[in-house]
PDB file of N, CA and C in Angstrom:
ATOM      1  N   MET A   1       3.908  12.867 -18.845  1.00  0.00           N
ATOM      2  CA  MET A   1       3.081  11.680 -18.735  1.00  0.00           C
ATOM      3  C   MET A   1       2.782  11.415 -17.259  1.00  0.00           C
ATOM      4  N   ASP A   2       1.578  11.050 -16.985  1.00  0.00           N
ATOM      5  CA  ASP A   2       1.137  10.785 -15.625  1.00  0.00           C
ATOM      6  C   ASP A   2       1.732   9.465 -15.125  1.00  0.00           C
ATOM      7  N   ASN A   3       1.888   9.344 -13.808  1.00  0.00           N
ATOM      8  CA  ASN A   3       2.444   8.113 -13.233  1.00  0.00           C
ATOM      9  C   ASN A   3       1.565   6.909 -13.536  1.00  0.00           C
ATOM     10  N   LYS A   4       0.250   7.118 -13.541  1.00  0.00           N
ATOM     11  CA  LYS A   4      -0.672   6.015 -13.819  1.00  0.00           C
ATOM     12  C   LYS A   4      -0.531   5.537 -15.265  1.00  0.00           C
ATOM     13  N   GLU A   5      -0.359   6.480 -16.185  1.00  0.00           N
ATOM     14  CA  GLU A   5      -0.156   6.121 -17.597  1.00  0.00           C
ATOM     15  C   GLU A   5       1.158   5.374 -17.778  1.00  0.00           C
ATOM     16  N   LEU A   6       2.194   5.824 -17.080  1.00  0.00           N
ATOM     17  CA  LEU A   6       3.487   5.128 -17.157  1.00  0.00           C
ATOM     18  C   LEU A   6       3.379   3.714 -16.605  1.00  0.00           C
ATOM     19  N   LEU A   7       2.638   3.555 -15.523  1.00  0.00           N
ATOM     20  CA  LEU A   7       2.467   2.234 -14.938  1.00  0.00           C
ATOM     21  C   LEU A   7       1.769   1.299 -15.914  1.00  0.00           C
ATOM     22  N   PHE A   8       0.716   1.773 -16.560  1.00  0.00           N
ATOM     23  CA  PHE A   8       0.005   0.930 -17.524  1.00  0.00           C
ATOM     24  C   PHE A   8       0.859   0.628 -18.751  1.00  0.00           C
ATOM     25  N   LYS A   9       1.689   1.584 -19.145  1.00  0.00           N
ATOM     26  CA  LYS A   9       2.598   1.344 -20.263  1.00  0.00           C
ATOM     27  C   LYS A   9       3.607   0.249 -19.909  1.00  0.00           C
ATOM     28  N   GLY A  10       4.127   0.294 -18.687  1.00  0.00           N
ATOM     29  CA  GLY A  10       5.054  -0.744 -18.239  1.00  0.00           C
ATOM     30  C   GLY A  10       4.393  -2.100 -18.137  1.00  0.00           C
ATOM     31  N   ILE A  11       3.146  -2.120 -17.686  1.00  0.00           N
ATOM     32  CA  ILE A  11       2.413  -3.386 -17.598  1.00  0.00           C
ATOM     33  C   ILE A  11       2.160  -3.954 -18.986  1.00  0.00           C
ATOM     34  N   LYS A  12       1.889  -3.088 -19.960  1.00  0.00           N
ATOM     35  CA  LYS A  12       1.686  -3.554 -21.338  1.00  0.00           C
ATOM     36  C   LYS A  12       2.942  -4.245 -21.867  1.00  0.00           C
ATOM     37  N   TYR A  13       4.101  -3.641 -21.616  1.00  0.00           N
ATOM     38  CA  TYR A  13       5.356  -4.252 -22.052  1.00  0.00           C
ATOM     39  C   TYR A  13       5.565  -5.605 -21.371  1.00  0.00           C
ATOM     40  N   ALA A  14       5.315  -5.656 -20.072  1.00  0.00           N
ATOM     41  CA  ALA A  14       5.544  -6.896 -19.327  1.00  0.00           C
ATOM     42  C   ALA A  14       4.578  -7.994 -19.776  1.00  0.00           C
ATOM     43  N   VAL A  15       3.308  -7.638 -19.958  1.00  0.00           N
ATOM     44  CA  VAL A  15       2.324  -8.635 -20.394  1.00  0.00           C
ATOM     45  C   VAL A  15       2.600  -9.067 -21.832  1.00  0.00           C
ATOM     46  N   GLY A  16       3.080  -8.157 -22.650  1.00  0.00           N
ATOM     47  CA  GLY A  16       3.419  -8.509 -24.025  1.00  0.00           C
ATOM     48  C   GLY A  16       4.589  -9.463 -24.125  1.00  0.00           C
ATOM     49  N   SER A  17       5.462  -9.457 -23.140  1.00  0.00           N
ATOM     50  CA  SER A  17       6.626 -10.342 -23.181  1.00  0.00           C
ATOM     51  C   SER A  17       6.305 -11.758 -22.696  1.00  0.00           C
ATOM     52  N   ILE A  18       5.203 -11.936 -21.991  1.00  0.00           N
ATOM     53  CA  ILE A  18       4.887 -13.259 -21.432  1.00  0.00           C
ATOM     54  C   ILE A  18       4.688 -14.323 -22.515  1.00  0.00           C
ATOM     55  N   PRO A  19       3.907 -14.066 -23.583  1.00  0.00           N
ATOM     56  CA  PRO A  19       3.800 -15.104 -24.622  1.00  0.00           C
ATOM     57  C   PRO A  19       5.136 -15.424 -25.283  1.00  0.00           C
ATOM     58  N   LEU A  20       5.984 -14.405 -25.417  1.00  0.00           N
ATOM     59  CA  LEU A  20       7.301 -14.641 -26.014  1.00  0.00           C
ATOM     60  C   LEU A  20       8.171 -15.511 -25.119  1.00  0.00           C
ATOM     61  N   MET A  21       7.971 -15.420 -23.802  1.00  0.00           N
ATOM     62  CA  MET A  21       8.731 -16.250 -22.865  1.00  0.00           C
ATOM     63  C   MET A  21       8.391 -17.726 -23.016  1.00  0.00           C
ATOM     64  N   PHE A  22       7.218 -18.024 -23.493  1.00  0.00           N
ATOM     65  CA  PHE A  22       6.842 -19.414 -23.742  1.00  0.00           C
ATOM     66  C   PHE A  22       7.201 -19.837 -25.165  1.00  0.00           C
ATOM     67  N   LEU A  23       7.013 -18.937 -26.125  1.00  0.00           N
ATOM     68  CA  LEU A  23       7.238 -19.278 -27.525  1.00  0.00           C
ATOM     69  C   LEU A  23       8.714 -19.526 -27.831  1.00  0.00           C
ATOM     70  N   GLY A  24       9.594 -18.710 -27.270  1.00  0.00           N
ATOM     71  CA  GLY A  24      11.029 -18.848 -27.542  1.00  0.00           C
ATOM     72  C   GLY A  24      11.589 -20.210 -27.150  1.00  0.00           C
ATOM     73  N   PRO A  25      11.415 -20.652 -25.892  1.00  0.00           N
ATOM     74  CA  PRO A  25      11.926 -21.973 -25.516  1.00  0.00           C
ATOM     75  C   PRO A  25      11.260 -23.126 -26.272  1.00  0.00           C
ATOM     76  N   ILE A  26       9.998 -22.952 -26.646  1.00  0.00           N
ATOM     77  CA  ILE A  26       9.337 -23.993 -27.437  1.00  0.00           C
ATOM     78  C   ILE A  26      10.014 -24.120 -28.793  1.00  0.00           C
ATOM     79  N   LEU A  27      10.327 -22.995 -29.424  1.00  0.00           N
ATOM     80  CA  LEU A  27      11.009 -23.046 -30.722  1.00  0.00           C
ATOM     81  C   LEU A  27      12.420 -23.603 -30.597  1.00  0.00           C
ATOM     82  N   ILE A  28      13.126 -23.239 -29.538  1.00  0.00           N
ATOM     83  CA  ILE A  28      14.476 -23.771 -29.343  1.00  0.00           C
ATOM     84  C   ILE A  28      14.423 -25.278 -29.130  1.00  0.00           C
ATOM     85  N   HIS A  29      13.479 -25.743 -28.329  1.00  0.00           N
ATOM     86  CA  HIS A  29      13.324 -27.181 -28.102  1.00  0.00           C
ATOM     87  C   HIS A  29      12.977 -27.891 -29.410  1.00  0.00           C
ATOM     88  N   ASN A  30      12.097 -27.306 -30.194  1.00  0.00           N
ATOM     89  CA  ASN A  30      11.721 -27.885 -31.473  1.00  0.00           C
ATOM     90  C   ASN A  30      12.923 -27.956 -32.414  1.00  0.00           C
ATOM     91  N   ALA A  31      13.760 -26.934 -32.403  1.00  0.00           N
ATOM     92  CA  ALA A  31      14.941 -26.937 -33.262  1.00  0.00           C
ATOM     93  C   ALA A  31      15.898 -28.060 -32.870  1.00  0.00           C
ATOM     94  N   PHE A  32      16.072 -28.312 -31.572  1.00  0.00           N
ATOM     95  CA  PHE A  32      16.981 -29.374 -31.156  1.00  0.00           C
ATOM     96  C   PHE A  32      16.389 -30.767 -31.366  1.00  0.00           C
ATOM     97  N   MET A  33      15.072 -30.862 -31.399  1.00  0.00           N
ATOM     98  CA  MET A  33      14.447 -32.155 -31.657  1.00  0.00           C
ATOM     99  C   MET A  33      14.476 -32.511 -33.141  1.00  0.00           C
ATOM    100  N   ASN A  34      14.574 -31.533 -34.016  1.00  0.00           N
ATOM    101  CA  ASN A  34      14.541 -31.760 -35.462  1.00  0.00           C
ATOM    102  C   ASN A  34      15.869 -31.397 -36.108  1.00  0.00           C
ATOM    103  N   LYS A  35      16.957 -31.941 -35.583  1.00  0.00           N
ATOM    104  CA  LYS A  35      18.278 -31.627 -36.128  1.00  0.00           C
ATOM    105  C   LYS A  35      18.487 -32.197 -37.529  1.00  0.00           C
ATOM    106  N   HIS A  36      17.688 -33.164 -37.913  1.00  0.00           N
ATOM    107  CA  HIS A  36      17.870 -33.814 -39.203  1.00  0.00           C
ATOM    108  C   HIS A  36      17.313 -32.992 -40.365  1.00  0.00           C
ATOM    109  N   THR A  37      16.592 -31.925 -40.097  1.00  0.00           N
ATOM    110  CA  THR A  37      16.027 -31.110 -41.176  1.00  0.00           C
ATOM    111  C   THR A  37      16.956 -29.954 -41.512  1.00  0.00           C
ATOM    112  N   ASN A  38      16.700 -29.345 -42.649  1.00  0.00           N
ATOM    113  CA  ASN A  38      17.513 -28.212 -43.078  1.00  0.00           C
ATOM    114  C   ASN A  38      17.132 -26.928 -42.352  1.00  0.00           C
ATOM    115  N   TRP A  39      15.978 -26.886 -41.716  1.00  0.00           N
ATOM    116  CA  TRP A  39      15.471 -25.685 -41.068  1.00  0.00           C
ATOM    117  C   TRP A  39      15.944 -25.564 -39.614  1.00  0.00           C
ATOM    118  N   HIS A  40      16.806 -26.458 -39.171  1.00  0.00           N
ATOM    119  CA  HIS A  40      17.248 -26.488 -37.786  1.00  0.00           C
ATOM    120  C   HIS A  40      17.827 -25.147 -37.337  1.00  0.00           C
ATOM    121  N   TYR A  41      18.771 -24.603 -38.095  1.00  0.00           N
ATOM    122  CA  TYR A  41      19.452 -23.374 -37.682  1.00  0.00           C
ATOM    123  C   TYR A  41      18.540 -22.154 -37.790  1.00  0.00           C
ATOM    124  N   VAL A  42      17.644 -22.155 -38.750  1.00  0.00           N
ATOM    125  CA  VAL A  42      16.718 -21.028 -38.893  1.00  0.00           C
ATOM    126  C   VAL A  42      15.777 -20.966 -37.695  1.00  0.00           C
ATOM    127  N   VAL A  43      15.198 -22.117 -37.330  1.00  0.00           N
ATOM    128  CA  VAL A  43      14.274 -22.166 -36.197  1.00  0.00           C
ATOM    129  C   VAL A  43      15.010 -21.855 -34.896  1.00  0.00           C
ATOM    130  N   LEU A  44      16.222 -22.329 -34.758  1.00  0.00           N
ATOM    131  CA  LEU A  44      17.024 -22.046 -33.565  1.00  0.00           C
ATOM    132  C   LEU A  44      17.320 -20.552 -33.456  1.00  0.00           C
ATOM    133  N   GLY A  45      17.675 -19.933 -34.554  1.00  0.00           N
ATOM    134  CA  GLY A  45      17.948 -18.494 -34.550  1.00  0.00           C
ATOM    135  C   GLY A  45      16.718 -17.676 -34.202  1.00  0.00           C
ATOM    136  N   ILE A  46      15.580 -18.074 -34.752  1.00  0.00           N
ATOM    137  CA  ILE A  46      14.329 -17.374 -34.437  1.00  0.00           C
ATOM    138  C   ILE A  46      13.986 -17.546 -32.963  1.00  0.00           C
ATOM    139  N   GLY A  47      14.168 -18.741 -32.422  1.00  0.00           N
ATOM    140  CA  GLY A  47      13.890 -18.988 -31.009  1.00  0.00           C
ATOM    141  C   GLY A  47      14.778 -18.174 -30.097  1.00  0.00           C
ATOM    142  N   ILE A  48      16.054 -18.091 -30.421  1.00  0.00           N
ATOM    143  CA  ILE A  48      16.980 -17.296 -29.609  1.00  0.00           C
ATOM    144  C   ILE A  48      16.633 -15.818 -29.692  1.00  0.00           C
ATOM    145  N   PHE A  49      16.285 -15.345 -30.887  1.00  0.00           N
ATOM    146  CA  PHE A  49      15.882 -13.948 -31.057  1.00  0.00           C
ATOM    147  C   PHE A  49      14.633 -13.636 -30.237  1.00  0.00           C
ATOM    148  N   ILE A  50      13.663 -14.543 -30.231  1.00  0.00           N
ATOM    149  CA  ILE A  50      12.429 -14.331 -29.464  1.00  0.00           C
ATOM    150  C   ILE A  50      12.731 -14.315 -27.966  1.00  0.00           C
ATOM    151  N   CYS A  51      13.621 -15.174 -27.498  1.00  0.00           N
ATOM    152  CA  CYS A  51      13.982 -15.175 -26.075  1.00  0.00           C
ATOM    153  C   CYS A  51      14.657 -13.867 -25.669  1.00  0.00           C
ATOM    154  N   ILE A  52      15.561 -13.378 -26.498  1.00  0.00           N
ATOM    155  CA  ILE A  52      16.232 -12.115 -26.201  1.00  0.00           C
ATOM    156  C   ILE A  52      15.233 -10.964 -26.212  1.00  0.00           C
ATOM    157  N   THR A  53      14.294 -10.995 -27.158  1.00  0.00           N
ATOM    158  CA  THR A  53      13.256  -9.963 -27.217  1.00  0.00           C
ATOM    159  C   THR A  53      12.377 -10.001 -25.978  1.00  0.00           C
ATOM    160  N   ALA A  54      12.026 -11.196 -25.522  1.00  0.00           N
ATOM    161  CA  ALA A  54      11.176 -11.325 -24.331  1.00  0.00           C
ATOM    162  C   ALA A  54      11.871 -10.754 -23.098  1.00  0.00           C
ATOM    163  N   VAL A  55      13.136 -11.051 -22.942  1.00  0.00           N
ATOM    164  CA  VAL A  55      13.877 -10.538 -21.780  1.00  0.00           C
ATOM    165  C   VAL A  55      14.001  -9.019 -21.850  1.00  0.00           C
ATOM    166  N   SER A  56      14.285  -8.493 -23.036  1.00  0.00           N
ATOM    167  CA  SER A  56      14.431  -7.043 -23.146  1.00  0.00           C
ATOM    168  C   SER A  56      13.102  -6.321 -22.938  1.00  0.00           C
ATOM    169  N   LEU A  57      11.993  -6.881 -23.439  1.00  0.00           N
ATOM    170  CA  LEU A  57      10.684  -6.263 -23.206  1.00  0.00           C
ATOM    171  C   LEU A  57      10.310  -6.303 -21.729  1.00  0.00           C
ATOM    172  N   MET A  58      10.606  -7.403 -21.067  1.00  0.00           N
ATOM    173  CA  MET A  58      10.305  -7.499 -19.644  1.00  0.00           C
ATOM    174  C   MET A  58      11.153  -6.493 -18.857  1.00  0.00           C
ATOM    175  N   PHE A  59      12.419  -6.379 -19.195  1.00  0.00           N
ATOM    176  CA  PHE A  59      13.293  -5.412 -18.528  1.00  0.00           C
ATOM    177  C   PHE A  59      12.791  -3.991 -18.736  1.00  0.00           C
ATOM    178  N   LYS A  60      12.401  -3.682 -19.983  1.00  0.00           N
ATOM    179  CA  LYS A  60      11.895  -2.347 -20.271  1.00  0.00           C
ATOM    180  C   LYS A  60      10.595  -2.082 -19.517  1.00  0.00           C
ATOM    181  N   GLY A  61       9.714  -3.082 -19.442  1.00  0.00           N
ATOM    182  CA  GLY A  61       8.462  -2.927 -18.707  1.00  0.00           C
ATOM    183  C   GLY A  61       8.692  -2.691 -17.230  1.00  0.00           C
ATOM    184  N   ILE A  62       9.593  -3.464 -16.633  1.00  0.00           N
ATOM    185  CA  ILE A  62       9.893  -3.292 -15.205  1.00  0.00           C
ATOM    186  C   ILE A  62      10.551  -1.939 -14.959  1.00  0.00           C
ATOM    187  N   LYS A  63      11.409  -1.523 -15.871  1.00  0.00           N
ATOM    188  CA  LYS A  63      12.064  -0.220 -15.730  1.00  0.00           C
ATOM    189  C   LYS A  63      11.033   0.909 -15.774  1.00  0.00           C
ATOM    190  N   ILE A  64      10.076   0.834 -16.685  1.00  0.00           N
ATOM    191  CA  ILE A  64       9.039   1.861 -16.779  1.00  0.00           C
ATOM    192  C   ILE A  64       8.143   1.829 -15.547  1.00  0.00           C
ATOM    193  N   MET A  65       7.806   0.634 -15.069  1.00  0.00           N
ATOM    194  CA  MET A  65       6.974   0.543 -13.866  1.00  0.00           C
ATOM    195  C   MET A  65       7.691   1.129 -12.648  1.00  0.00           C
ATOM    196  N   MET A  66       8.982   0.855 -12.512  1.00  0.00           N
ATOM    197  CA  MET A  66       9.735   1.410 -11.381  1.00  0.00           C
ATOM    198  C   MET A  66       9.836   2.929 -11.491  1.00  0.00           C
ATOM    199  N   LYS A  67       9.963   3.426 -12.714  1.00  0.00           N
ATOM    200  CA  LYS A  67      10.000   4.874 -12.911  1.00  0.00           C
ATOM    201  C   LYS A  67       8.680   5.501 -12.492  1.00  0.00           C
ATOM    202  N   SER A  68       7.573   4.851 -12.825  1.00  0.00           N
ATOM    203  CA  SER A  68       6.272   5.416 -12.471  1.00  0.00           C
ATOM    204  C   SER A  68       6.023   5.351 -10.967  1.00  0.00           C
ATOM    205  N   LEU A  69       6.579   4.355 -10.312  1.00  0.00           N
ATOM    206  CA  LEU A  69       6.335   4.207  -8.881  1.00  0.00           C
ATOM    207  C   LEU A  69       7.258   5.059  -8.019  1.00  0.00           C
ATOM    208  N   PHE A  70       8.524   5.215  -8.410  1.00  0.00           N
ATOM    209  CA  PHE A  70       9.490   5.846  -7.533  1.00  0.00           C
ATOM    210  C   PHE A  70       9.991   7.216  -7.968  1.00  0.00           C
ATOM    211  N   ASP A  71       9.733   7.621  -9.214  1.00  0.00           N
ATOM    212  CA  ASP A  71      10.131   8.971  -9.646  1.00  0.00           C
ATOM    213  C   ASP A  71       8.944   9.909  -9.538  1.00  0.00           C
ATOM    214  N   GLY A  72       8.325   9.923  -8.397  1.00  0.00           N
ATOM    215  CA  GLY A  72       7.081  10.634  -8.185  1.00  0.00           C
ATOM    216  C   GLY A  72       7.132  12.129  -8.426  1.00  0.00           C
ATOM    217  N   ASN A  73       7.071  12.892  -7.394  1.00  0.00           N
ATOM    218  CA  ASN A  73       6.933  14.335  -7.497  1.00  0.00           C
ATOM    219  C   ASN A  73       8.300  14.993  -7.627  1.00  0.00           C
ATOM    220  N   GLU A  74       8.730  15.199  -8.868  1.00  0.00           N
ATOM    221  CA  GLU A  74      10.020  15.858  -9.093  1.00  0.00           C
ATOM    222  C   GLU A  74       9.861  17.367  -9.178  1.00  0.00           C
ATOM    223  N   ASN A  75       8.654  17.852  -9.195  1.00  0.00           N
ATOM    224  CA  ASN A  75       8.407  19.308  -9.321  1.00  0.00           C
ATOM    225  C   ASN A  75       8.749  20.047  -8.068  1.00  0.00           C
TER     226      ASN A  75
END
């Protein structure tokens, strides 16, 4: 794979994680505001899962971008 393709792949992962970085805390906040409902724990679990997914996607994107930038000419 070319370095440019790897860079764009890493950017895709990083950009894909940005909406999740906003959605996760919004769901967690919503879960804590609605403790009186039966769906509190379900929404909280989904919010935590989305936050963990966002962090892992961002980490993977940054890792791929660093690989494309610094693992240049190994031949």
